[in-house]
Amino acid sequence: MSAGPVALFGPGGEPLRAAALALAEAGRPIGLATLANLQQQEFATASIANELWVLGADHLHRVIDAAEPAAAEAFLAELEDRFGPLAACLIDPGPLPAIAFDEWSLDEWLPLTRRQLAAVLAAARAAIPLLERRGGGAVLIARHPAPAGASAAVVDAALAALPGALAAEYAGRPLRFAAAGVSGLPADLLAALA
């Protein structure tokens, strides 16, 4: 397959930065989008985009709410318009919460699950038809260590089950789904592109 762009969705931070820099070194075009339209995620991903610009890497950076299917689809359509058919998608939900469940109000819990679960699902759902149309590709879900506690356990269990559930649902199609630990994220991503 030709070297198409790789979409990276996430809040920013070191795992996403390492993945983006590995892709830049490999000469792959990169799409970088936030999971939520939050100033913290905007600044964190803009920092990565600035490094890509300094390196002269082909990239597209957008601040979106990836939990909105239309936003994730529009970002990926723009990425393909600019750099060709999508080759792979990496979704980093970010670090899991280390706050006791009974210390969270629902007003805090629901936005967190929207960013760390709904956005992951919407980004994957937007990428899958593009990868299939291309003839195959990979969707990787970054896995962060889960702190003890129910808040983290709920999110971690859902993210742990997602790659296997997607693989079962899309069995027989030219798609690969995998979890990738944050410590080995660049290597796992490059291996998925081989």
Protein backbone atom coordinates (compact mmCIF):
# COMPACT_ATOMS: atom_id res chain seq x y z
CA MET A 1 0.00 0.00 0.00
CA SER A 2 1.09 3.57 -0.59
CA ALA A 3 2.24 5.73 2.31
CA GLY A 4 -0.93 7.60 3.17
CA PRO A 5 -1.54 9.87 6.14
CA VAL A 6 -2.00 8.70 9.70
CA ALA A 7 -4.67 10.32 11.88
CA LEU A 8 -3.81 10.97 15.52
CA PHE A 9 -6.62 11.87 17.90
CA GLY A 10 -5.80 12.78 21.48
CA PRO A 11 -5.38 15.39 24.19
CA GLY A 12 -1.71 16.03 23.45
CA GLY A 13 1.01 15.00 25.85
CA GLU A 14 4.10 12.86 25.54
CA PRO A 15 2.59 9.65 24.08
CA LEU A 16 0.97 11.54 21.20
CA ARG A 17 4.11 13.66 20.70
CA ALA A 18 6.30 10.55 20.49
CA ALA A 19 3.94 8.96 17.95
CA ALA A 20 3.83 12.14 15.83
CA LEU A 21 7.61 12.53 15.82
CA ALA A 22 8.11 8.87 14.86
CA LEU A 23 5.72 9.35 11.94
CA ALA A 24 7.51 12.54 10.91
CA GLU A 25 10.85 10.73 10.97
CA ALA A 26 9.32 7.99 8.80
CA GLY A 27 8.12 10.64 6.33
CA ARG A 28 4.41 9.98 6.87
CA PRO A 29 1.85 12.80 6.59
CA ILE A 30 0.14 13.36 9.93
CA GLY A 31 -3.31 14.50 10.94
CA LEU A 32 -3.49 15.71 14.53
CA ALA A 33 -6.85 16.38 16.17
CA THR A 34 -8.01 16.94 19.72
CA LEU A 35 -10.59 14.77 21.42
CA ALA A 36 -12.34 17.80 22.88
CA ASN A 37 -12.51 21.47 22.05
CA LEU A 38 -10.72 22.46 25.24
CA GLN A 39 -8.02 25.10 25.62
CA GLN A 40 -5.70 22.63 27.38
CA GLN A 41 -5.95 20.15 24.50
CA GLU A 42 -5.62 22.94 21.94
CA PHE A 43 -2.36 24.15 23.50
CA ALA A 44 -0.97 20.63 24.00
CA THR A 45 -1.63 19.55 20.40
CA ALA A 46 -0.49 22.92 19.01
CA SER A 47 2.86 22.33 20.72
CA ILE A 48 3.17 19.03 18.83
CA ALA A 49 2.08 20.68 15.58
CA ASN A 50 4.76 23.36 16.06
CA GLU A 51 7.43 20.66 16.38
CA LEU A 52 6.15 19.01 13.20
CA TRP A 53 6.31 22.38 11.43
CA VAL A 54 9.91 22.92 12.57
CA LEU A 55 10.80 19.46 11.23
CA GLY A 56 9.13 20.25 7.91
CA ALA A 57 6.70 17.35 8.32
CA ASP A 58 3.49 17.32 6.28
CA HIS A 59 0.72 17.71 8.81
CA LEU A 60 -2.76 19.01 9.52
CA HIS A 61 -3.76 20.18 13.00
CA ARG A 62 -7.36 20.78 14.05
CA VAL A 63 -9.06 21.49 17.36
CA ILE A 64 -12.32 19.54 17.32
CA ASP A 65 -14.80 17.76 19.54
CA ALA A 66 -14.15 14.24 18.27
CA ALA A 67 -17.24 12.96 20.10
CA GLU A 68 -19.26 14.80 17.45
CA PRO A 69 -19.30 12.35 14.51
CA ALA A 70 -19.54 15.16 11.94
CA ALA A 71 -16.42 16.83 13.37
CA ALA A 72 -14.36 13.62 13.27
CA GLU A 73 -15.58 12.87 9.74
CA ALA A 74 -14.82 16.40 8.50
CA PHE A 75 -11.30 16.28 9.97
CA LEU A 76 -10.56 12.94 8.27
CA ALA A 77 -12.06 14.14 4.97
CA GLU A 78 -9.81 17.22 5.07
CA LEU A 79 -6.81 15.03 5.89
CA GLU A 80 -7.53 12.75 2.91
CA ASP A 81 -8.14 15.72 0.60
CA ARG A 82 -4.74 17.09 1.50
CA PHE A 83 -2.59 13.92 1.71
CA GLY A 84 -4.46 11.01 0.12
CA PRO A 85 -6.21 7.92 1.49
CA LEU A 86 -5.99 7.32 5.22
CA ALA A 87 -3.45 4.61 6.17
CA ALA A 88 -4.09 4.26 9.92
CA CYS A 89 -5.67 5.90 12.93
CA LEU A 90 -4.30 6.18 16.46
CA ILE A 91 -6.64 7.31 19.21
CA ASP A 92 -5.16 8.33 22.55
CA PRO A 93 -7.87 8.81 25.20
CA GLY A 94 -5.35 10.39 27.55
CA PRO A 95 -4.46 9.50 31.14
CA LEU A 96 -7.22 7.91 33.20
CA PRO A 97 -8.68 9.76 36.20
CA ALA A 98 -7.10 9.17 39.61
CA ILE A 99 -10.06 10.54 41.54
CA ALA A 100 -12.27 8.45 43.81
CA PHE A 101 -15.64 7.70 42.24
CA ASP A 102 -17.62 9.22 45.11
CA GLU A 103 -15.65 12.47 44.76
CA TRP A 104 -16.97 13.01 41.23
CA SER A 105 -20.27 14.69 40.50
CA LEU A 106 -22.14 13.55 37.41
CA ASP A 107 -21.46 17.00 35.96
CA GLU A 108 -17.74 16.09 36.06
CA TRP A 109 -18.06 12.38 35.21
CA LEU A 110 -20.14 12.72 32.05
CA PRO A 111 -17.77 15.13 30.23
CA LEU A 112 -14.85 12.85 31.12
CA THR A 113 -16.56 9.79 29.63
CA ARG A 114 -17.49 11.84 26.59
CA ARG A 115 -13.81 12.72 26.02
CA GLN A 116 -12.34 9.34 26.88
CA LEU A 117 -15.00 6.96 25.55
CA ALA A 118 -17.47 8.65 23.20
CA ALA A 119 -14.72 10.53 21.33
CA VAL A 120 -12.70 7.33 20.92
CA LEU A 121 -15.73 5.51 19.50
CA ALA A 122 -16.68 8.38 17.17
CA ALA A 123 -13.10 8.74 15.86
CA ALA A 124 -12.83 4.99 15.22
CA ARG A 125 -16.21 4.91 13.52
CA ALA A 126 -15.23 7.81 11.25
CA ALA A 127 -11.89 6.17 10.31
CA ILE A 128 -13.09 2.62 9.64
CA PRO A 129 -14.95 3.23 6.34
CA LEU A 130 -12.02 5.27 5.00
CA LEU A 131 -9.53 2.52 5.86
CA GLU A 132 -11.78 -0.11 4.34
CA ARG A 133 -12.24 1.92 1.16
CA ARG A 134 -8.46 2.19 0.88
CA GLY A 135 -8.16 -1.60 1.05
CA GLY A 136 -7.12 -1.96 4.67
CA GLY A 137 -5.53 -0.28 7.62
CA ALA A 138 -5.18 -0.23 11.37
CA VAL A 139 -6.94 1.45 14.27
CA LEU A 140 -4.85 1.59 17.43
CA ILE A 141 -6.16 2.58 20.85
CA ALA A 142 -3.52 3.91 23.25
CA ARG A 143 -3.67 2.35 26.72
CA HIS A 144 -2.57 4.34 29.74
CA PRO A 145 -1.86 2.68 33.09
CA ALA A 146 -5.04 2.64 35.15
CA PRO A 147 -4.86 4.13 38.63
CA ALA A 148 -6.69 2.20 41.33
CA GLY A 149 -10.32 3.12 41.80
CA ALA A 150 -13.71 2.75 40.22
CA SER A 151 -13.50 5.91 38.09
CA ALA A 152 -10.46 4.62 36.23
CA ALA A 153 -11.72 1.02 36.20
CA VAL A 154 -14.88 1.88 34.27
CA VAL A 155 -13.03 3.74 31.54
CA ASP A 156 -10.14 1.26 31.46
CA ALA A 157 -12.45 -1.76 31.10
CA ALA A 158 -14.25 -0.19 28.17
CA LEU A 159 -11.02 0.77 26.42
CA ALA A 160 -9.48 -2.66 27.09
CA ALA A 161 -12.44 -4.45 25.48
CA LEU A 162 -12.77 -2.13 22.48
CA PRO A 163 -10.05 -3.47 20.09
CA GLY A 164 -11.19 -7.07 20.50
CA ALA A 165 -14.85 -6.14 20.11
CA LEU A 166 -14.12 -4.16 16.94
CA ALA A 167 -12.00 -7.01 15.54
CA ALA A 168 -14.86 -9.44 16.12
CA GLU A 169 -17.42 -7.10 14.59
CA TYR A 170 -15.30 -6.43 11.50
CA ALA A 171 -13.93 -9.98 11.12
CA GLY A 172 -13.12 -10.91 7.53
CA ARG A 173 -12.49 -7.31 6.50
CA PRO A 174 -9.03 -5.87 5.78
CA LEU A 175 -8.89 -4.00 9.09
CA ARG A 176 -6.70 -4.43 12.15
CA PHE A 177 -7.57 -3.27 15.65
CA ALA A 178 -5.08 -3.25 18.52
CA ALA A 179 -4.30 -1.74 21.87
CA ALA A 180 -0.92 -0.08 22.26
CA GLY A 181 0.67 0.74 25.59
CA VAL A 182 1.83 4.33 25.83
CA SER A 183 5.43 3.33 26.52
CA GLY A 184 5.73 1.52 23.17
CA LEU A 185 3.34 3.66 21.17
CA PRO A 186 5.70 4.83 18.38
CA ALA A 187 7.01 1.31 17.70
CA ASP A 188 3.51 -0.22 17.75
CA LEU A 189 2.24 2.46 15.38
CA LEU A 190 5.09 2.03 12.90
CA ALA A 191 4.65 -1.76 13.04
CA ALA A 192 0.95 -1.36 12.22
CA LEU A 193 1.94 0.59 9.10
CA ALA A 194 4.35 -2.07 7.84
